[in-house]
Amino acid sequence: MTNIHPMQSPEWGEFRSEWGNKVVKIGNQQITFSKIPHTPFTIGTVFKGPLPTPDDIKQLKEIGKKEKAIFIKLEPNVIKDGANLRGWVAPAANLGGYGFVPGKRFFTPTTFVIDLTKSEEELLKGFTSKTRYNIHLAQKHGVVVKEDNSPEAFAKYLELTFATAKRQNFFAHTRHYHELMWKFLHPAIAHLLTATYKGQILSAWILFVYDKTLYYPYGASSTEHKEVMANNLMMWEAIKFGKKHGCTSFDLWGREEGRGFTKFKEGYNPQVVEFIGSWDLVLNQPLYYLYRIAEKIRWLVLKHV
């Protein structure tokens, strides 16, 4: 995996700027600053960037102080095992020497990655027998998966997204967020795939194609006609879509133990990849620890609402 990621792309930076963040580029790091409501302070984030050099960190500190950031959170797109750490740091031991502390993660610490350099025959052979059966079942039922970037398909994607979020009780970004993301990332990066059965869209996924990697950041599905296994065919067609676009790997954008969709992804024989984690570059220590306390209280409250 490389250090280049859609969240470090110019298109993502334009999207976040339109959303209301201040986006600053320092070397290979794209920093997003978010205002803390009712205060003059901000929080900086560098998601899925490269491993920063000592000089990068010096610049991060300078711009962070200029933007009144309490801290800057980094979650590098760097694999933990076998990572090229440039000889300057062992993440678990020495990051504190640069002002970092382990932070609350934003992304899951591991993800699934499918090797798209394999042939279709090799990939299919690696799937579980149940996954292969469900793919063939969807094909037998006449489920059709295609790229459909029309306004009508995007509207259906939004409808399914909010219905899925409510049904599964997870956080979903607002309609405006999704609309802005689509406005700035399509067609350069973002593509919409739909799975249709008897004229009805049962599943809609947004995929990113960037630097020879396919990503699966957003997806939603209907509870209707679950027996036709539309999502199984959708994943298989997404894999073929990535190969068609010259991608060499497919990042399934997260992995959470015990979740149903994690079990679904496992059926496609992906590799588990672990990243070096979440690290906070603390710039205002007293306010940082107050923020962390408030953050814990907020999540405790949300869990009991």
Protein backbone atom coordinates (compact mmCIF):
# COMPACT_ATOMS: atom_id res chain seq x y z
CA MET A 1 0.00 0.00 0.00
CA THR A 2 1.19 3.50 -0.72
CA ASN A 3 0.86 6.64 1.32
CA ILE A 4 -1.38 8.24 -1.29
CA HIS A 5 -5.05 8.11 -0.31
CA PRO A 6 -8.26 9.82 -1.52
CA MET A 7 -8.49 11.77 1.76
CA GLN A 8 -5.18 13.42 0.87
CA SER A 9 -6.30 14.31 -2.65
CA PRO A 10 -6.89 17.88 -3.89
CA GLU A 11 -10.53 16.95 -4.56
CA TRP A 12 -11.02 15.89 -0.95
CA GLY A 13 -9.41 19.12 0.21
CA GLU A 14 -11.80 21.17 -1.96
CA PHE A 15 -14.75 19.21 -0.60
CA ARG A 16 -13.72 19.81 3.01
CA SER A 17 -13.12 23.51 2.33
CA GLU A 18 -16.63 23.85 0.91
CA TRP A 19 -17.93 21.96 3.96
CA GLY A 20 -16.50 24.74 6.12
CA ASN A 21 -13.08 23.50 7.21
CA LYS A 22 -9.77 25.23 6.65
CA VAL A 23 -7.48 22.98 4.64
CA VAL A 24 -3.72 23.58 4.63
CA LYS A 25 -1.08 21.69 2.66
CA ILE A 26 2.37 21.18 4.20
CA GLY A 27 4.67 19.05 2.08
CA ASN A 28 2.84 15.74 1.65
CA GLN A 29 0.46 16.41 4.54
CA GLN A 30 -3.04 17.82 3.93
CA ILE A 31 -4.32 19.17 7.25
CA THR A 32 -7.99 19.85 7.94
CA PHE A 33 -8.78 22.29 10.75
CA SER A 34 -12.20 22.17 12.41
CA LYS A 35 -13.47 24.90 14.72
CA ILE A 36 -14.51 23.95 18.24
CA PRO A 37 -17.94 25.60 18.60
CA HIS A 38 -18.15 28.74 20.75
CA THR A 39 -14.36 28.94 21.19
CA PRO A 40 -11.43 30.45 19.24
CA PHE A 41 -9.75 27.02 19.11
CA THR A 42 -9.51 24.32 16.44
CA ILE A 43 -8.61 20.67 16.02
CA GLY A 44 -6.38 19.59 13.16
CA THR A 45 -6.53 16.22 11.43
CA VAL A 46 -4.24 14.52 8.93
CA PHE A 47 -6.07 11.38 7.90
CA LYS A 48 -4.39 8.69 5.80
CA GLY A 49 -1.30 10.75 5.01
CA PRO A 50 2.31 9.58 4.78
CA LEU A 51 4.53 9.13 7.79
CA PRO A 52 5.72 12.62 8.74
CA THR A 53 9.40 13.47 8.86
CA PRO A 54 10.83 15.49 11.76
CA ASP A 55 10.73 18.54 9.47
CA ASP A 56 7.06 17.84 8.71
CA ILE A 57 6.34 17.73 12.45
CA LYS A 58 8.08 21.06 12.96
CA GLN A 59 5.83 22.61 10.29
CA LEU A 60 2.74 20.92 11.75
CA LYS A 61 3.50 22.52 15.11
CA GLU A 62 3.98 25.95 13.53
CA ILE A 63 0.78 25.92 11.49
CA GLY A 64 -1.12 24.32 14.36
CA LYS A 65 -0.20 27.12 16.73
CA LYS A 66 -1.08 29.69 14.07
CA GLU A 67 -4.54 28.08 13.71
CA LYS A 68 -4.99 27.90 17.53
CA ALA A 69 -5.18 24.10 17.36
CA ILE A 70 -5.39 22.25 20.66
CA PHE A 71 -3.91 19.23 18.88
CA ILE A 72 -3.40 17.71 15.45
CA LYS A 73 -4.51 14.10 15.01
CA LEU A 74 -2.57 11.90 12.61
CA GLU A 75 -3.69 8.50 11.37
CA PRO A 76 -1.01 7.68 8.78
CA ASN A 77 -1.76 5.36 5.90
CA VAL A 78 1.26 3.30 6.95
CA ILE A 79 1.16 -0.42 7.64
CA LYS A 80 2.37 -1.38 11.10
CA ASP A 81 4.31 -4.50 10.19
CA GLY A 82 7.17 -3.98 7.79
CA ALA A 83 6.56 -0.24 7.49
CA ASN A 84 9.42 1.93 6.35
CA LEU A 85 9.74 4.16 9.39
CA ARG A 86 12.72 6.06 7.95
CA GLY A 87 14.84 5.16 10.94
CA TRP A 88 13.67 8.06 13.08
CA VAL A 89 10.95 6.54 15.22
CA ALA A 90 9.50 3.33 16.57
CA PRO A 91 5.84 4.45 16.84
CA ALA A 92 4.91 2.82 20.14
CA ALA A 93 8.08 3.90 21.91
CA ASN A 94 9.40 7.22 20.61
CA LEU A 95 6.55 9.31 19.22
CA GLY A 96 6.22 10.93 22.64
CA GLY A 97 9.57 12.55 22.04
CA TYR A 98 7.99 14.55 19.25
CA GLY A 99 5.01 15.66 21.35
CA PHE A 100 2.66 12.84 20.28
CA VAL A 101 0.42 10.78 22.53
CA PRO A 102 -1.79 7.82 21.53
CA GLY A 103 -5.16 9.24 20.48
CA LYS A 104 -8.74 8.09 20.15
CA ARG A 105 -8.99 6.41 16.78
CA PHE A 106 -11.16 7.72 13.99
CA PHE A 107 -10.70 4.80 11.59
CA THR A 108 -10.65 1.15 12.59
CA PRO A 109 -7.07 0.03 13.38
CA THR A 110 -7.25 -2.67 10.72
CA THR A 111 -8.80 -3.01 7.30
CA PHE A 112 -9.35 -5.71 4.69
CA VAL A 113 -7.47 -5.59 1.39
CA ILE A 114 -8.15 -7.76 -1.66
CA ASP A 115 -5.30 -8.39 -4.13
CA LEU A 116 -6.65 -7.37 -7.53
CA THR A 117 -3.55 -8.53 -9.41
CA LYS A 118 -4.95 -12.06 -9.21
CA SER A 119 -7.07 -13.38 -12.07
CA GLU A 120 -10.84 -13.60 -11.69
CA GLU A 121 -10.51 -17.37 -11.52
CA GLU A 122 -7.95 -17.14 -8.68
CA LEU A 123 -10.08 -14.68 -6.77
CA LEU A 124 -13.23 -16.78 -7.07
CA LYS A 125 -11.36 -19.86 -5.97
CA GLY A 126 -10.26 -18.04 -2.80
CA PHE A 127 -13.81 -17.07 -1.78
CA THR A 128 -15.68 -19.24 0.71
CA SER A 129 -18.03 -21.77 -0.83
CA LYS A 130 -21.01 -19.91 0.67
CA THR A 131 -19.88 -16.65 -0.94
CA ARG A 132 -19.49 -18.27 -4.35
CA TYR A 133 -22.92 -19.89 -3.98
CA ASN A 134 -24.55 -16.55 -3.11
CA ILE A 135 -22.92 -14.84 -6.09
CA HIS A 136 -24.27 -17.50 -8.44
CA LEU A 137 -27.66 -17.29 -6.72
CA ALA A 138 -27.86 -13.54 -7.36
CA GLN A 139 -26.90 -14.08 -11.00
CA LYS A 140 -29.54 -16.82 -11.31
CA HIS A 141 -32.21 -14.46 -9.92
CA GLY A 142 -31.27 -11.87 -12.54
CA VAL A 143 -29.72 -9.24 -10.24
CA VAL A 144 -27.97 -6.61 -12.36
CA VAL A 145 -25.00 -4.61 -11.06
CA LYS A 146 -23.86 -1.58 -13.03
CA GLU A 147 -22.26 1.83 -12.64
CA ASP A 148 -25.05 4.41 -12.49
CA ASN A 149 -23.99 7.97 -11.67
CA SER A 150 -27.37 9.50 -12.48
CA PRO A 151 -29.14 11.92 -10.10
CA GLU A 152 -31.89 9.33 -9.67
CA ALA A 153 -29.41 6.63 -8.58
CA PHE A 154 -27.69 9.04 -6.19
CA ALA A 155 -31.07 9.97 -4.67
CA LYS A 156 -31.75 6.26 -4.12
CA TYR A 157 -28.30 5.88 -2.56
CA LEU A 158 -29.16 8.62 -0.05
CA GLU A 159 -32.54 7.04 0.71
CA LEU A 160 -30.94 3.65 1.35
CA THR A 161 -28.12 5.20 3.40
CA PHE A 162 -30.42 6.87 5.92
CA ALA A 163 -32.70 3.83 6.10
CA THR A 164 -29.69 1.55 6.74
CA ALA A 165 -28.24 3.90 9.38
CA LYS A 166 -31.56 3.96 11.24
CA ARG A 167 -31.99 0.19 10.99
CA GLN A 168 -28.46 -0.65 12.14
CA ASN A 169 -28.13 2.26 14.58
CA PHE A 170 -24.91 3.75 13.22
CA PHE A 171 -23.80 7.30 12.48
CA ALA A 172 -24.41 8.61 8.96
CA HIS A 173 -23.24 11.90 7.54
CA THR A 174 -25.90 14.44 6.60
CA ARG A 175 -27.50 14.68 3.17
CA HIS A 176 -25.57 17.90 2.51
CA TYR A 177 -22.26 16.18 3.37
CA HIS A 178 -22.91 13.37 0.89
CA GLU A 179 -24.03 15.81 -1.79
CA LEU A 180 -20.88 17.93 -1.42
CA MET A 181 -18.67 14.84 -1.39
CA TRP A 182 -20.27 13.66 -4.62
CA LYS A 183 -20.05 17.12 -6.19
CA PHE A 184 -16.29 17.37 -5.69
CA LEU A 185 -15.18 13.73 -6.03
CA HIS A 186 -17.29 12.58 -8.98
CA PRO A 187 -16.22 11.75 -11.65
CA ALA A 188 -12.48 12.09 -10.85
CA ILE A 189 -12.53 9.71 -7.88
CA ALA A 190 -16.05 8.64 -6.88
CA HIS A 191 -18.30 6.17 -8.73
CA LEU A 192 -21.75 4.83 -7.87
CA LEU A 193 -22.65 1.17 -8.36
CA THR A 194 -26.19 -0.14 -8.03
CA ALA A 195 -27.60 -3.65 -7.75
CA THR A 196 -31.08 -3.92 -9.26
CA TYR A 197 -33.67 -6.68 -9.06
CA LYS A 198 -36.85 -6.50 -11.15
CA GLY A 199 -36.33 -2.77 -11.67
CA GLN A 200 -35.77 -2.01 -7.97
CA ILE A 201 -32.41 -0.82 -6.63
CA LEU A 202 -31.63 -3.05 -3.65
CA SER A 203 -28.09 -1.90 -2.98
CA ALA A 204 -26.02 1.20 -3.77
CA TRP A 205 -22.30 1.64 -3.13
CA ILE A 206 -19.98 4.58 -3.67
CA LEU A 207 -16.48 3.46 -4.63
CA PHE A 208 -13.31 5.53 -4.89
CA VAL A 209 -10.66 4.86 -7.52
CA TYR A 210 -7.36 6.48 -6.60
CA ASP A 211 -3.69 5.69 -7.23
CA LYS A 212 -4.42 2.17 -8.51
CA THR A 213 -6.45 1.34 -5.39
CA LEU A 214 -10.19 0.78 -5.18
CA TYR A 215 -11.89 1.88 -1.93
CA TYR A 216 -15.31 1.07 -0.51
CA PRO A 217 -16.17 4.00 1.80
CA TYR A 218 -19.98 4.14 1.56
CA GLY A 219 -22.69 1.60 0.94
CA ALA A 220 -26.30 0.88 1.83
CA SER A 221 -28.93 -1.70 1.04
CA SER A 222 -32.62 -2.47 1.28
CA THR A 223 -34.20 -5.12 3.50
CA GLU A 224 -36.42 -6.18 0.61
CA HIS A 225 -35.63 -9.31 -1.43
CA LYS A 226 -32.70 -10.31 0.75
CA GLU A 227 -33.11 -13.80 -0.62
CA VAL A 228 -31.59 -12.78 -3.98
CA MET A 229 -28.20 -11.96 -2.34
CA ALA A 230 -27.69 -8.68 -4.20
CA ASN A 231 -24.81 -7.55 -1.98
CA ASN A 232 -22.78 -10.67 -2.75
CA LEU A 233 -22.96 -9.99 -6.47
CA MET A 234 -22.30 -6.29 -5.81
CA MET A 235 -18.97 -7.08 -4.11
CA TRP A 236 -17.92 -9.41 -6.91
CA GLU A 237 -18.83 -6.84 -9.57
CA ALA A 238 -16.99 -4.15 -7.55
CA ILE A 239 -13.88 -6.33 -7.64
CA LYS A 240 -14.19 -6.67 -11.42
CA PHE A 241 -14.84 -2.92 -11.66
CA GLY A 242 -11.56 -2.25 -9.85
CA LYS A 243 -9.61 -4.59 -12.12
CA LYS A 244 -11.18 -2.92 -15.17
CA HIS A 245 -9.95 0.46 -13.90
CA GLY A 246 -6.39 -0.77 -13.45
CA CYS A 247 -6.49 -1.08 -9.66
CA THR A 248 -4.08 -3.51 -8.03
CA SER A 249 -5.76 -3.62 -4.60
CA PHE A 250 -9.21 -3.15 -3.07
CA ASP A 251 -9.33 -1.52 0.37
CA LEU A 252 -12.64 -2.41 2.03
CA TRP A 253 -12.35 0.65 4.33
CA GLY A 254 -12.41 -0.90 7.76
CA ARG A 255 -12.82 -4.03 9.80
CA GLU A 256 -14.68 -4.44 13.08
CA GLU A 257 -14.73 -7.70 14.99
CA GLY A 258 -18.19 -9.10 15.59
CA ARG A 259 -20.00 -6.97 13.02
CA GLY A 260 -22.16 -8.71 10.43
CA PHE A 261 -20.67 -6.85 7.52
CA THR A 262 -17.17 -7.85 8.63
CA LYS A 263 -18.25 -11.47 8.34
CA PHE A 264 -19.61 -10.68 4.88
CA LYS A 265 -16.26 -9.19 3.80
CA GLU A 266 -14.34 -12.18 5.15
CA GLY A 267 -16.08 -14.37 2.59
CA TYR A 268 -13.99 -12.71 -0.15
CA ASN A 269 -10.68 -13.90 1.33
CA PRO A 270 -9.14 -10.47 2.00
CA GLN A 271 -5.84 -9.84 3.76
CA VAL A 272 -6.02 -8.18 7.19
CA VAL A 273 -3.86 -5.04 7.27
CA GLU A 274 -2.99 -3.17 10.47
CA PHE A 275 -1.95 0.48 10.50
CA ILE A 276 0.40 2.22 12.96
CA GLY A 277 -2.51 3.83 14.79
CA SER A 278 -3.87 7.18 15.88
CA TRP A 279 -1.52 9.80 17.32
CA ASP A 280 -2.25 13.26 18.69
CA LEU A 281 0.34 16.02 18.37
CA VAL A 282 -0.51 17.99 21.52
CA LEU A 283 -0.10 21.76 21.18
CA ASN A 284 -2.09 22.96 24.21
CA GLN A 285 -1.77 20.37 26.97
CA PRO A 286 -4.28 21.75 29.55
CA LEU A 287 -7.02 22.19 26.94
CA TYR A 288 -6.19 18.86 25.32
CA TYR A 289 -6.88 16.91 28.49
CA LEU A 290 -10.05 18.90 29.15
CA TYR A 291 -11.13 18.05 25.60
CA ARG A 292 -10.45 14.33 26.13
CA ILE A 293 -12.51 14.32 29.33
CA ALA A 294 -15.39 16.10 27.59
CA GLU A 295 -15.11 13.66 24.68
CA LYS A 296 -15.46 10.64 27.02
CA ILE A 297 -18.50 12.17 28.71
CA ARG A 298 -20.10 12.91 25.34
CA TRP A 299 -19.72 9.29 24.14
CA LEU A 300 -21.04 7.93 27.43
CA VAL A 301 -24.12 10.13 27.04
CA LEU A 302 -24.61 9.12 23.39
CA LYS A 303 -24.45 5.42 24.29
CA HIS A 304 -27.33 5.85 26.73
CA VAL A 305 -29.56 8.08 24.63
